[in-house]
């Protein structure tokens, strides 16, 4: 009989990131997309005043955190879905878990670097 508890120690971390990414994608991302992609270009919201405010917000600490979360949380959610989708399709490669979550971690670090430097 094999011990499966050691193999699943890190799984709750991925599920928390998945849940946070799904919640972020459901609540904050549609509002941001609606404002930036539709309401401003259609003229519903005055873009000149809002652009100044958005630029100031994006340069602040909270704005950078918001932008980072807009990138990182949906990324982890998507990679968790891809990992479990491939697992459900019986694509059980030895390094699949490391590939999916390693790619999410690497891209999160790239996003962190880019958000902090610009």
PDB file of N, CA and C in Angstrom:
ATOM      1  N   UNK A   1       0.844  -1.173   0.000  1.00  0.00           N
ATOM      2  CA  UNK A   1       0.000   0.000   0.000  1.00  0.00           C
ATOM      3  C   UNK A   1       0.892   1.240   0.000  1.00  0.00           C
ATOM      4  N   UNK A   2       0.609   2.151  -0.919  1.00  0.00           N
ATOM      5  CA  UNK A   2       1.447   3.342  -1.030  1.00  0.00           C
ATOM      6  C   UNK A   2       0.893   4.473  -0.180  1.00  0.00           C
ATOM      7  N   UNK A   3       1.787   5.322   0.242  1.00  0.00           N
ATOM      8  CA  UNK A   3       1.403   6.474   1.040  1.00  0.00           C
ATOM      9  C   UNK A   3       1.114   7.645   0.109  1.00  0.00           C
ATOM     10  N   UNK A   4      -0.145   8.042   0.006  1.00  0.00           N
ATOM     11  CA  UNK A   4      -0.521   9.128  -0.907  1.00  0.00           C
ATOM     12  C   UNK A   4      -0.556  10.477  -0.214  1.00  0.00           C
ATOM     13  N   UNK A   5      -0.394  10.514   1.105  1.00  0.00           N
ATOM     14  CA  UNK A   5      -0.472  11.800   1.794  1.00  0.00           C
ATOM     15  C   UNK A   5       0.716  12.688   1.451  1.00  0.00           C
ATOM     16  N   UNK A   6       1.891  12.136   1.235  1.00  0.00           N
ATOM     17  CA  UNK A   6       3.052  12.945   0.887  1.00  0.00           C
ATOM     18  C   UNK A   6       2.941  13.507  -0.526  1.00  0.00           C
ATOM     19  N   UNK A   7       2.246  12.814  -1.408  1.00  0.00           N
ATOM     20  CA  UNK A   7       2.093  13.287  -2.781  1.00  0.00           C
ATOM     21  C   UNK A   7       1.096  14.434  -2.883  1.00  0.00           C
ATOM     22  N   UNK A   8       0.229  14.609  -1.920  1.00  0.00           N
ATOM     23  CA  UNK A   8      -0.840  15.599  -2.023  1.00  0.00           C
ATOM     24  C   UNK A   8      -0.665  16.755  -1.036  1.00  0.00           C
ATOM     25  N   UNK A   9       0.514  16.929  -0.481  1.00  0.00           N
ATOM     26  CA  UNK A   9       0.730  17.969   0.506  1.00  0.00           C
ATOM     27  C   UNK A   9       0.580  19.356  -0.104  1.00  0.00           C
ATOM     28  N   UNK A  10       1.003  19.541  -1.335  1.00  0.00           N
ATOM     29  CA  UNK A  10       0.967  20.859  -1.957  1.00  0.00           C
ATOM     30  C   UNK A  10      -0.354  21.154  -2.663  1.00  0.00           C
ATOM     31  N   UNK A  11      -1.236  20.215  -2.752  1.00  0.00           N
ATOM     32  CA  UNK A  11      -2.488  20.403  -3.488  1.00  0.00           C
ATOM     33  C   UNK A  11      -3.376  21.513  -2.927  1.00  0.00           C
ATOM     34  N   UNK A  12      -3.512  21.694  -1.610  1.00  0.00           N
ATOM     35  CA  UNK A  12      -4.355  22.798  -1.116  1.00  0.00           C
ATOM     36  C   UNK A  12      -3.870  24.181  -1.555  1.00  0.00           C
ATOM     37  N   UNK A  13      -2.573  24.353  -1.695  1.00  0.00           N
ATOM     38  CA  UNK A  13      -2.050  25.643  -2.159  1.00  0.00           C
ATOM     39  C   UNK A  13      -2.547  25.933  -3.569  1.00  0.00           C
ATOM     40  N   UNK A  14      -2.499  24.941  -4.436  1.00  0.00           N
ATOM     41  CA  UNK A  14      -2.958  25.134  -5.810  1.00  0.00           C
ATOM     42  C   UNK A  14      -4.461  25.363  -5.875  1.00  0.00           C
ATOM     43  N   UNK A  15      -5.206  24.695  -5.001  1.00  0.00           N
ATOM     44  CA  UNK A  15      -6.650  24.898  -4.993  1.00  0.00           C
ATOM     45  C   UNK A  15      -7.009  26.294  -4.486  1.00  0.00           C
ATOM     46  N   UNK A  16      -6.259  26.819  -3.530  1.00  0.00           N
ATOM     47  CA  UNK A  16      -6.500  28.185  -3.054  1.00  0.00           C
ATOM     48  C   UNK A  16      -6.216  29.185  -4.164  1.00  0.00           C
ATOM     49  N   UNK A  17      -5.097  29.009  -4.875  1.00  0.00           N
ATOM     50  CA  UNK A  17      -4.774  29.895  -5.992  1.00  0.00           C
ATOM     51  C   UNK A  17      -5.810  29.768  -7.108  1.00  0.00           C
ATOM     52  N   UNK A  18      -6.290  28.557  -7.346  1.00  0.00           N
ATOM     53  CA  UNK A  18      -7.340  28.341  -8.335  1.00  0.00           C
ATOM     54  C   UNK A  18      -8.618  29.074  -7.936  1.00  0.00           C
ATOM     55  N   UNK A  19      -9.026  28.918  -6.685  1.00  0.00           N
ATOM     56  CA  UNK A  19     -10.240  29.568  -6.214  1.00  0.00           C
ATOM     57  C   UNK A  19     -10.128  31.084  -6.235  1.00  0.00           C
ATOM     58  N   UNK A  20      -8.979  31.598  -5.811  1.00  0.00           N
ATOM     59  CA  UNK A  20      -8.773  33.053  -5.817  1.00  0.00           C
ATOM     60  C   UNK A  20      -8.769  33.577  -7.244  1.00  0.00           C
ATOM     61  N   UNK A  21      -8.145  32.851  -8.156  1.00  0.00           N
ATOM     62  CA  UNK A  21      -8.117  33.271  -9.553  1.00  0.00           C
ATOM     63  C   UNK A  21      -9.492  33.228 -10.189  1.00  0.00           C
ATOM     64  N   UNK A  22     -10.267  32.220  -9.866  1.00  0.00           N
ATOM     65  CA  UNK A  22     -11.629  32.138 -10.393  1.00  0.00           C
ATOM     66  C   UNK A  22     -12.516  33.245  -9.861  1.00  0.00           C
ATOM     67  N   UNK A  23     -12.378  33.540  -8.566  1.00  0.00           N
ATOM     68  CA  UNK A  23     -13.170  34.616  -7.976  1.00  0.00           C
ATOM     69  C   UNK A  23     -12.750  35.966  -8.548  1.00  0.00           C
ATOM     70  N   UNK A  24     -11.456  36.183  -8.698  1.00  0.00           N
ATOM     71  CA  UNK A  24     -10.962  37.438  -9.268  1.00  0.00           C
ATOM     72  C   UNK A  24     -11.454  37.596 -10.705  1.00  0.00           C
ATOM     73  N   UNK A  25     -11.388  36.500 -11.469  1.00  0.00           N
ATOM     74  CA  UNK A  25     -11.821  36.542 -12.867  1.00  0.00           C
ATOM     75  C   UNK A  25     -13.318  36.796 -12.982  1.00  0.00           C
ATOM     76  N   UNK A  26     -14.080  36.365 -11.999  1.00  0.00           N
ATOM     77  CA  UNK A  26     -15.529  36.543 -12.055  1.00  0.00           C
ATOM     78  C   UNK A  26     -15.984  37.913 -11.575  1.00  0.00           C
ATOM     79  N   UNK A  27     -15.226  38.539 -10.679  1.00  0.00           N
ATOM     80  CA  UNK A  27     -15.688  39.798 -10.091  1.00  0.00           C
ATOM     81  C   UNK A  27     -14.961  41.007 -10.662  1.00  0.00           C
ATOM     82  N   UNK A  28     -13.652  41.030 -10.582  1.00  0.00           N
ATOM     83  CA  UNK A  28     -12.902  42.236 -10.921  1.00  0.00           C
ATOM     84  C   UNK A  28     -12.580  42.349 -12.414  1.00  0.00           C
ATOM     85  N   UNK A  29     -12.247  41.262 -13.056  1.00  0.00           N
ATOM     86  CA  UNK A  29     -11.849  41.329 -14.469  1.00  0.00           C
ATOM     87  C   UNK A  29     -12.978  41.836 -15.374  1.00  0.00           C
ATOM     88  N   UNK A  30     -14.217  41.369 -15.232  1.00  0.00           N
ATOM     89  CA  UNK A  30     -15.263  41.913 -16.106  1.00  0.00           C
ATOM     90  C   UNK A  30     -15.494  43.407 -15.915  1.00  0.00           C
ATOM     91  N   UNK A  31     -15.395  43.888 -14.690  1.00  0.00           N
ATOM     92  CA  UNK A  31     -15.579  45.319 -14.453  1.00  0.00           C
ATOM     93  C   UNK A  31     -14.460  46.126 -15.096  1.00  0.00           C
ATOM     94  N   UNK A  32     -13.224  45.662 -14.959  1.00  0.00           N
ATOM     95  CA  UNK A  32     -12.091  46.368 -15.566  1.00  0.00           C
ATOM     96  C   UNK A  32     -12.179  46.338 -17.087  1.00  0.00           C
ATOM     97  N   UNK A  33     -12.551  45.211 -17.652  1.00  0.00           N
ATOM     98  CA  UNK A  33     -12.695  45.102 -19.105  1.00  0.00           C
ATOM     99  C   UNK A  33     -13.833  45.983 -19.607  1.00  0.00           C
ATOM    100  N   UNK A  34     -14.938  45.998 -18.882  1.00  0.00           N
ATOM    101  CA  UNK A  34     -16.072  46.837 -19.268  1.00  0.00           C
ATOM    102  C   UNK A  34     -15.684  48.316 -19.307  1.00  0.00           C
ATOM    103  N   UNK A  35     -14.982  48.769 -18.294  1.00  0.00           N
ATOM    104  CA  UNK A  35     -14.600  50.183 -18.236  1.00  0.00           C
ATOM    105  C   UNK A  35     -13.574  50.521 -19.307  1.00  0.00           C
ATOM    106  N   UNK A  36     -12.499  49.752 -19.374  1.00  0.00           N
ATOM    107  CA  UNK A  36     -11.380  50.102 -20.256  1.00  0.00           C
ATOM    108  C   UNK A  36     -11.674  49.802 -21.727  1.00  0.00           C
ATOM    109  N   UNK A  37     -12.373  48.722 -22.000  1.00  0.00           N
ATOM    110  CA  UNK A  37     -12.566  48.307 -23.401  1.00  0.00           C
ATOM    111  C   UNK A  37     -13.871  48.797 -24.027  1.00  0.00           C
ATOM    112  N   UNK A  38     -14.871  49.130 -23.223  1.00  0.00           N
ATOM    113  CA  UNK A  38     -16.159  49.501 -23.795  1.00  0.00           C
ATOM    114  C   UNK A  38     -16.629  50.900 -23.402  1.00  0.00           C
ATOM    115  N   UNK A  39     -16.685  51.190 -22.115  1.00  0.00           N
ATOM    116  CA  UNK A  39     -17.271  52.451 -21.676  1.00  0.00           C
ATOM    117  C   UNK A  39     -16.439  53.666 -22.077  1.00  0.00           C
ATOM    118  N   UNK A  40     -15.128  53.580 -21.982  1.00  0.00           N
ATOM    119  CA  UNK A  40     -14.279  54.712 -22.384  1.00  0.00           C
ATOM    120  C   UNK A  40     -14.290  54.900 -23.895  1.00  0.00           C
ATOM    121  N   UNK A  41     -14.048  53.842 -24.708  1.00  0.00           N
ATOM    122  CA  UNK A  41     -14.067  54.062 -26.163  1.00  0.00           C
ATOM    123  C   UNK A  41     -15.428  54.504 -26.711  1.00  0.00           C
ATOM    124  N   UNK A  42     -16.511  54.068 -26.095  1.00  0.00           N
ATOM    125  CA  UNK A  42     -17.841  54.470 -26.564  1.00  0.00           C
ATOM    126  C   UNK A  42     -18.239  55.859 -26.082  1.00  0.00           C
ATOM    127  N   UNK A  43     -17.450  56.454 -25.224  1.00  0.00           N
ATOM    128  CA  UNK A  43     -17.732  57.797 -24.747  1.00  0.00           C
ATOM    129  C   UNK A  43     -18.714  57.867 -23.604  1.00  0.00           C
ATOM    130  N   UNK A  44     -19.072  56.743 -23.030  1.00  0.00           N
ATOM    131  CA  UNK A  44     -19.998  56.743 -21.897  1.00  0.00           C
ATOM    132  C   UNK A  44     -19.334  57.401 -20.685  1.00  0.00           C
ATOM    133  N   UNK A  45     -18.041  57.123 -20.524  1.00  0.00           N
ATOM    134  CA  UNK A  45     -17.238  57.748 -19.470  1.00  0.00           C
ATOM    135  C   UNK A  45     -16.234  58.658 -20.151  1.00  0.00           C
ATOM    136  N   UNK A  46     -16.065  59.870 -19.620  1.00  0.00           N
ATOM    137  CA  UNK A  46     -15.106  60.806 -20.192  1.00  0.00           C
ATOM    138  C   UNK A  46     -13.699  60.242 -20.037  1.00  0.00           C
ATOM    139  N   UNK A  47     -13.064  59.937 -21.146  1.00  0.00           N
ATOM    140  CA  UNK A  47     -11.771  59.278 -21.134  1.00  0.00           C
ATOM    141  C   UNK A  47     -10.621  60.147 -20.684  1.00  0.00           C
ATOM    142  N   UNK A  48     -10.688  61.463 -20.919  1.00  0.00           N
ATOM    143  CA  UNK A  48      -9.567  62.336 -20.582  1.00  0.00           C
ATOM    144  C   UNK A  48      -9.364  62.410 -19.073  1.00  0.00           C
ATOM    145  N   UNK A  49     -10.431  62.632 -18.344  1.00  0.00           N
ATOM    146  CA  UNK A  49     -10.310  62.704 -16.884  1.00  0.00           C
ATOM    147  C   UNK A  49      -9.989  61.340 -16.290  1.00  0.00           C
ATOM    148  N   UNK A  50     -10.624  60.326 -16.814  1.00  0.00           N
ATOM    149  CA  UNK A  50     -10.401  58.984 -16.293  1.00  0.00           C
ATOM    150  C   UNK A  50      -9.001  58.493 -16.608  1.00  0.00           C
ATOM    151  N   UNK A  51      -8.468  58.842 -17.777  1.00  0.00           N
ATOM    152  CA  UNK A  51      -7.124  58.406 -18.136  1.00  0.00           C
ATOM    153  C   UNK A  51      -6.101  58.938 -17.144  1.00  0.00           C
ATOM    154  N   UNK A  52      -6.257  60.198 -16.750  1.00  0.00           N
ATOM    155  CA  UNK A  52      -5.340  60.772 -15.764  1.00  0.00           C
ATOM    156  C   UNK A  52      -5.447  60.042 -14.434  1.00  0.00           C
ATOM    157  N   UNK A  53      -6.662  59.758 -14.012  1.00  0.00           N
ATOM    158  CA  UNK A  53      -6.864  59.030 -12.760  1.00  0.00           C
ATOM    159  C   UNK A  53      -6.358  57.601 -12.829  1.00  0.00           C
ATOM    160  N   UNK A  54      -6.610  56.929 -13.954  1.00  0.00           N
ATOM    161  CA  UNK A  54      -6.127  55.553 -14.106  1.00  0.00           C
ATOM    162  C   UNK A  54      -4.604  55.488 -14.162  1.00  0.00           C
ATOM    163  N   UNK A  55      -3.996  56.465 -14.825  1.00  0.00           N
ATOM    164  CA  UNK A  55      -2.533  56.503 -14.891  1.00  0.00           C
ATOM    165  C   UNK A  55      -1.942  56.717 -13.501  1.00  0.00           C
ATOM    166  N   UNK A  56      -2.535  57.606 -12.741  1.00  0.00           N
ATOM    167  CA  UNK A  56      -2.069  57.846 -11.382  1.00  0.00           C
ATOM    168  C   UNK A  56      -2.271  56.603 -10.510  1.00  0.00           C
ATOM    169  N   UNK A  57      -3.434  55.959 -10.672  1.00  0.00           N
ATOM    170  CA  UNK A  57      -3.710  54.748  -9.890  1.00  0.00           C
ATOM    171  C   UNK A  57      -2.752  53.626 -10.266  1.00  0.00           C
ATOM    172  N   UNK A  58      -2.474  53.455 -11.557  1.00  0.00           N
ATOM    173  CA  UNK A  58      -1.576  52.382 -11.998  1.00  0.00           C
ATOM    174  C   UNK A  58      -0.151  52.601 -11.506  1.00  0.00           C
ATOM    175  N   UNK A  59       0.226  53.835 -11.260  1.00  0.00           N
ATOM    176  CA  UNK A  59       1.563  54.117 -10.747  1.00  0.00           C
ATOM    177  C   UNK A  59       1.678  54.004  -9.249  1.00  0.00           C
ATOM    178  N   UNK A  60       0.545  53.933  -8.550  1.00  0.00           N
ATOM    179  CA  UNK A  60       0.580  53.830  -7.092  1.00  0.00           C
ATOM    180  C   UNK A  60       0.832  52.385  -6.666  1.00  0.00           C
ATOM    181  N   UNK A  61       1.095  52.215  -5.377  1.00  0.00           N
ATOM    182  CA  UNK A  61       1.353  50.872  -4.850  1.00  0.00           C
ATOM    183  C   UNK A  61       0.123  49.975  -5.003  1.00  0.00           C
ATOM    184  N   UNK A  62      -1.052  50.488  -4.638  1.00  0.00           N
ATOM    185  CA  UNK A  62      -2.271  49.679  -4.765  1.00  0.00           C
ATOM    186  C   UNK A  62      -2.603  49.373  -6.218  1.00  0.00           C
ATOM    187  N   UNK A  63      -2.328  50.316  -7.102  1.00  0.00           N
ATOM    188  CA  UNK A  63      -2.556  50.083  -8.523  1.00  0.00           C
ATOM    189  C   UNK A  63      -1.660  48.986  -9.069  1.00  0.00           C
ATOM    190  N   UNK A  64      -0.411  48.988  -8.639  1.00  0.00           N
ATOM    191  CA  UNK A  64       0.514  47.932  -9.081  1.00  0.00           C
ATOM    192  C   UNK A  64       0.091  46.565  -8.551  1.00  0.00           C
ATOM    193  N   UNK A  65      -0.382  46.540  -7.309  1.00  0.00           N
ATOM    194  CA  UNK A  65      -0.888  45.282  -6.742  1.00  0.00           C
ATOM    195  C   UNK A  65      -2.107  44.813  -7.534  1.00  0.00           C
ATOM    196  N   UNK A  66      -3.006  45.744  -7.869  1.00  0.00           N
ATOM    197  CA  UNK A  66      -4.198  45.403  -8.646  1.00  0.00           C
ATOM    198  C   UNK A  66      -3.811  44.827 -10.011  1.00  0.00           C
ATOM    199  N   UNK A  67      -2.872  45.474 -10.704  1.00  0.00           N
ATOM    200  CA  UNK A  67      -2.434  44.987 -12.016  1.00  0.00           C
ATOM    201  C   UNK A  67      -1.781  43.615 -11.883  1.00  0.00           C
ATOM    202  N   UNK A  68      -0.969  43.435 -10.848  1.00  0.00           N
ATOM    203  CA  UNK A  68      -0.327  42.143 -10.632  1.00  0.00           C
ATOM    204  C   UNK A  68      -1.365  41.059 -10.384  1.00  0.00           C
ATOM    205  N   UNK A  69      -2.363  41.355  -9.580  1.00  0.00           N
ATOM    206  CA  UNK A  69      -3.409  40.368  -9.319  1.00  0.00           C
ATOM    207  C   UNK A  69      -4.252  40.087 -10.557  1.00  0.00           C
ATOM    208  N   UNK A  70      -4.446  41.101 -11.406  1.00  0.00           N
ATOM    209  CA  UNK A  70      -5.185  40.902 -12.662  1.00  0.00           C
ATOM    210  C   UNK A  70      -4.459  39.928 -13.586  1.00  0.00           C
ATOM    211  N   UNK A  71      -3.161  39.811 -13.438  1.00  0.00           N
ATOM    212  CA  UNK A  71      -2.377  38.904 -14.280  1.00  0.00           C
ATOM    213  C   UNK A  71      -2.195  37.554 -13.600  1.00  0.00           C
ATOM    214  N   UNK A  72      -1.753  37.579 -12.346  1.00  0.00           N
ATOM    215  CA  UNK A  72      -1.286  36.363 -11.681  1.00  0.00           C
ATOM    216  C   UNK A  72      -2.428  35.420 -11.291  1.00  0.00           C
ATOM    217  N   UNK A  73      -3.476  35.940 -10.692  1.00  0.00           N
ATOM    218  CA  UNK A  73      -4.526  35.038 -10.203  1.00  0.00           C
ATOM    219  C   UNK A  73      -5.245  34.289 -11.331  1.00  0.00           C
ATOM    220  N   UNK A  74      -5.678  34.947 -12.415  1.00  0.00           N
ATOM    221  CA  UNK A  74      -6.265  34.168 -13.509  1.00  0.00           C
ATOM    222  C   UNK A  74      -5.268  33.209 -14.162  1.00  0.00           C
ATOM    223  N   UNK A  75      -3.989  33.558 -14.144  1.00  0.00           N
ATOM    224  CA  UNK A  75      -2.961  32.670 -14.685  1.00  0.00           C
ATOM    225  C   UNK A  75      -2.903  31.367 -13.894  1.00  0.00           C
ATOM    226  N   UNK A  76      -2.874  31.466 -12.572  1.00  0.00           N
ATOM    227  CA  UNK A  76      -2.847  30.253 -11.744  1.00  0.00           C
ATOM    228  C   UNK A  76      -4.137  29.454 -11.896  1.00  0.00           C
ATOM    229  N   UNK A  77      -5.255  30.145 -11.998  1.00  0.00           N
ATOM    230  CA  UNK A  77      -6.538  29.459 -12.194  1.00  0.00           C
ATOM    231  C   UNK A  77      -6.526  28.679 -13.507  1.00  0.00           C
ATOM    232  N   UNK A  78      -6.058  29.322 -14.561  1.00  0.00           N
ATOM    233  CA  UNK A  78      -6.013  28.660 -15.866  1.00  0.00           C
ATOM    234  C   UNK A  78      -5.066  27.478 -15.901  1.00  0.00           C
ATOM    235  N   UNK A  79      -3.890  27.630 -15.305  1.00  0.00           N
ATOM    236  CA  UNK A  79      -2.934  26.521 -15.316  1.00  0.00           C
ATOM    237  C   UNK A  79      -3.438  25.353 -14.463  1.00  0.00           C
ATOM    238  N   UNK A  80      -4.146  25.651 -13.383  1.00  0.00           N
ATOM    239  CA  UNK A  80      -4.727  24.573 -12.578  1.00  0.00           C
ATOM    240  C   UNK A  80      -5.794  23.833 -13.381  1.00  0.00           C
ATOM    241  N   UNK A  81      -6.601  24.572 -14.137  1.00  0.00           N
ATOM    242  CA  UNK A  81      -7.620  23.942 -14.985  1.00  0.00           C
ATOM    243  C   UNK A  81      -6.968  23.083 -16.071  1.00  0.00           C
ATOM    244  N   UNK A  82      -5.925  23.610 -16.691  1.00  0.00           N
ATOM    245  CA  UNK A  82      -5.229  22.848 -17.738  1.00  0.00           C
ATOM    246  C   UNK A  82      -4.640  21.573 -17.155  1.00  0.00           C
ATOM    247  N   UNK A  83      -4.012  21.672 -15.984  1.00  0.00           N
ATOM    248  CA  UNK A  83      -3.418  20.488 -15.354  1.00  0.00           C
ATOM    249  C   UNK A  83      -4.473  19.419 -15.081  1.00  0.00           C
ATOM    250  N   UNK A  84      -5.598  19.819 -14.489  1.00  0.00           N
ATOM    251  CA  UNK A  84      -6.615  18.828 -14.158  1.00  0.00           C
ATOM    252  C   UNK A  84      -7.371  18.346 -15.392  1.00  0.00           C
ATOM    253  N   UNK A  85      -7.503  19.183 -16.402  1.00  0.00           N
ATOM    254  CA  UNK A  85      -8.129  18.748 -17.654  1.00  0.00           C
ATOM    255  C   UNK A  85      -7.275  17.676 -18.324  1.00  0.00           C
ATOM    256  N   UNK A  86      -5.965  17.906 -18.392  1.00  0.00           N
ATOM    257  CA  UNK A  86      -5.082  16.904 -18.984  1.00  0.00           C
ATOM    258  C   UNK A  86      -5.055  15.630 -18.139  1.00  0.00           C
ATOM    259  N   UNK A  87      -5.118  15.788 -16.831  1.00  0.00           N
ATOM    260  CA  UNK A  87      -5.143  14.616 -15.952  1.00  0.00           C
ATOM    261  C   UNK A  87      -6.424  13.816 -16.173  1.00  0.00           C
ATOM    262  N   UNK A  88      -7.555  14.512 -16.337  1.00  0.00           N
ATOM    263  CA  UNK A  88      -8.827  13.823 -16.586  1.00  0.00           C
ATOM    264  C   UNK A  88      -8.847  13.136 -17.940  1.00  0.00           C
ATOM    265  N   UNK A  89      -8.076  13.661 -18.890  1.00  0.00           N
ATOM    266  CA  UNK A  89      -8.004  13.043 -20.213  1.00  0.00           C
ATOM    267  C   UNK A  89      -6.946  11.944 -20.268  1.00  0.00           C
ATOM    268  N   UNK A  90      -6.472  11.536 -19.093  1.00  0.00           N
ATOM    269  CA  UNK A  90      -5.499  10.442 -18.938  1.00  0.00           C
ATOM    270  C   UNK A  90      -4.126  10.774 -19.511  1.00  0.00           C
ATOM    271  N   UNK A  91      -3.804  12.063 -19.619  1.00  0.00           N
ATOM    272  CA  UNK A  91      -2.463  12.476 -20.053  1.00  0.00           C
ATOM    273  C   UNK A  91      -1.619  12.631 -18.797  1.00  0.00           C
ATOM    274  N   UNK A  92      -1.192  11.525 -18.248  1.00  0.00           N
ATOM    275  CA  UNK A  92      -0.472  11.536 -16.976  1.00  0.00           C
ATOM    276  C   UNK A  92       1.027  11.418 -17.222  1.00  0.00           C
ATOM    277  N   UNK A  93       1.599  12.500 -17.704  1.00  0.00           N
ATOM    278  CA  UNK A  93       3.042  12.541 -17.928  1.00  0.00           C
ATOM    279  C   UNK A  93       3.734  12.761 -16.602  1.00  0.00           C
ATOM    280  N   UNK A  94       4.948  12.265 -16.450  1.00  0.00           N
ATOM    281  CA  UNK A  94       5.644  12.389 -15.163  1.00  0.00           C
ATOM    282  C   UNK A  94       5.844  13.838 -14.703  1.00  0.00           C
ATOM    283  N   UNK A  95       6.126  14.755 -15.605  1.00  0.00           N
ATOM    284  CA  UNK A  95       6.396  16.124 -15.202  1.00  0.00           C
ATOM    285  C   UNK A  95       5.269  17.093 -15.485  1.00  0.00           C
ATOM    286  N   UNK A  96       4.051  16.597 -15.683  1.00  0.00           N
ATOM    287  CA  UNK A  96       2.928  17.465 -16.055  1.00  0.00           C
ATOM    288  C   UNK A  96       2.612  18.488 -14.964  1.00  0.00           C
ATOM    289  N   UNK A  97       2.572  18.028 -13.730  1.00  0.00           N
ATOM    290  CA  UNK A  97       2.262  18.932 -12.625  1.00  0.00           C
ATOM    291  C   UNK A  97       3.341  20.003 -12.494  1.00  0.00           C
ATOM    292  N   UNK A  98       4.576  19.592 -12.564  1.00  0.00           N
ATOM    293  CA  UNK A  98       5.681  20.545 -12.477  1.00  0.00           C
ATOM    294  C   UNK A  98       5.695  21.512 -13.643  1.00  0.00           C
ATOM    295  N   UNK A  99       5.330  21.024 -14.835  1.00  0.00           N
ATOM    296  CA  UNK A  99       5.283  21.889 -16.004  1.00  0.00           C
ATOM    297  C   UNK A  99       4.204  22.953 -15.861  1.00  0.00           C
ATOM    298  N   UNK A 100       3.001  22.545 -15.488  1.00  0.00           N
ATOM    299  CA  UNK A 100       1.889  23.494 -15.369  1.00  0.00           C
ATOM    300  C   UNK A 100       2.138  24.519 -14.275  1.00  0.00           C
ATOM    301  N   UNK A 101       2.448  24.056 -13.085  1.00  0.00           N
ATOM    302  CA  UNK A 101       2.616  24.986 -11.973  1.00  0.00           C
ATOM    303  C   UNK A 101       3.954  25.713 -12.049  1.00  0.00           C
ATOM    304  N   UNK A 102       4.950  25.090 -12.634  1.00  0.00           N
ATOM    305  CA  UNK A 102       6.225  25.778 -12.840  1.00  0.00           C
ATOM    306  C   UNK A 102       6.082  26.913 -13.837  1.00  0.00           C
ATOM    307  N   UNK A 103       5.312  26.690 -14.897  1.00  0.00           N
ATOM    308  CA  UNK A 103       5.061  27.744 -15.872  1.00  0.00           C
ATOM    309  C   UNK A 103       4.271  28.887 -15.237  1.00  0.00           C
ATOM    310  N   UNK A 104       3.287  28.555 -14.416  1.00  0.00           N
ATOM    311  CA  UNK A 104       2.519  29.597 -13.728  1.00  0.00           C
ATOM    312  C   UNK A 104       3.410  30.388 -12.776  1.00  0.00           C
ATOM    313  N   UNK A 105       4.293  29.710 -12.064  1.00  0.00           N
ATOM    314  CA  UNK A 105       5.203  30.401 -11.146  1.00  0.00           C
ATOM    315  C   UNK A 105       6.181  31.286 -11.907  1.00  0.00           C
ATOM    316  N   UNK A 106       6.731  30.774 -13.009  1.00  0.00           N
ATOM    317  CA  UNK A 106       7.684  31.556 -13.794  1.00  0.00           C
ATOM    318  C   UNK A 106       7.018  32.794 -14.398  1.00  0.00           C
ATOM    319  N   UNK A 107       5.836  32.633 -14.947  1.00  0.00           N
ATOM    320  CA  UNK A 107       5.129  33.774 -15.518  1.00  0.00           C
ATOM    321  C   UNK A 107       4.685  34.764 -14.434  1.00  0.00           C
ATOM    322  N   UNK A 108       4.398  34.270 -13.246  1.00  0.00           N
ATOM    323  CA  UNK A 108       4.072  35.168 -12.134  1.00  0.00           C
ATOM    324  C   UNK A 108       5.283  36.006 -11.743  1.00  0.00           C
ATOM    325  N   UNK A 109       6.451  35.390 -11.751  1.00  0.00           N
ATOM    326  CA  UNK A 109       7.667  36.142 -11.439  1.00  0.00           C
ATOM    327  C   UNK A 109       7.977  37.170 -12.527  1.00  0.00           C
ATOM    328  N   UNK A 110       7.740  36.817 -13.775  1.00  0.00           N
ATOM    329  CA  UNK A 110       7.925  37.778 -14.865  1.00  0.00           C
ATOM    330  C   UNK A 110       6.959  38.944 -14.695  1.00  0.00           C
ATOM    331  N   UNK A 111       5.703  38.655 -14.375  1.00  0.00           N
ATOM    332  CA  UNK A 111       4.718  39.717 -14.160  1.00  0.00           C
ATOM    333  C   UNK A 111       5.110  40.592 -12.979  1.00  0.00           C
ATOM    334  N   UNK A 112       5.600  39.984 -11.907  1.00  0.00           N
ATOM    335  CA  UNK A 112       6.047  40.745 -10.751  1.00  0.00           C
ATOM    336  C   UNK A 112       7.194  41.668 -11.124  1.00  0.00           C
ATOM    337  N   UNK A 113       8.151  41.156 -11.880  1.00  0.00           N
ATOM    338  CA  UNK A 113       9.285  41.975 -12.316  1.00  0.00           C
ATOM    339  C   UNK A 113       8.809  43.141 -13.182  1.00  0.00           C
ATOM    340  N   UNK A 114       7.936  42.852 -14.115  1.00  0.00           N
ATOM    341  CA  UNK A 114       7.465  43.914 -15.019  1.00  0.00           C
ATOM    342  C   UNK A 114       6.625  44.972 -14.297  1.00  0.00           C
ATOM    343  N   UNK A 115       5.792  44.542 -13.376  1.00  0.00           N
ATOM    344  CA  UNK A 115       4.961  45.493 -12.636  1.00  0.00           C
ATOM    345  C   UNK A 115       5.832  46.353 -11.716  1.00  0.00           C
ATOM    346  N   UNK A 116       6.857  45.762 -11.141  1.00  0.00           N
ATOM    347  CA  UNK A 116       7.714  46.526 -10.223  1.00  0.00           C
ATOM    348  C   UNK A 116       8.661  47.478 -10.939  1.00  0.00           C
ATOM    349  N   UNK A 117       9.045  47.164 -12.169  1.00  0.00           N
ATOM    350  CA  UNK A 117      10.036  47.989 -12.844  1.00  0.00           C
ATOM    351  C   UNK A 117       9.422  49.088 -13.689  1.00  0.00           C
ATOM    352  N   UNK A 118       8.173  48.987 -14.084  1.00  0.00           N
ATOM    353  CA  UNK A 118       7.585  50.018 -14.935  1.00  0.00           C
ATOM    354  C   UNK A 118       6.636  50.892 -14.175  1.00  0.00           C
TER     355      UNK A 118
END
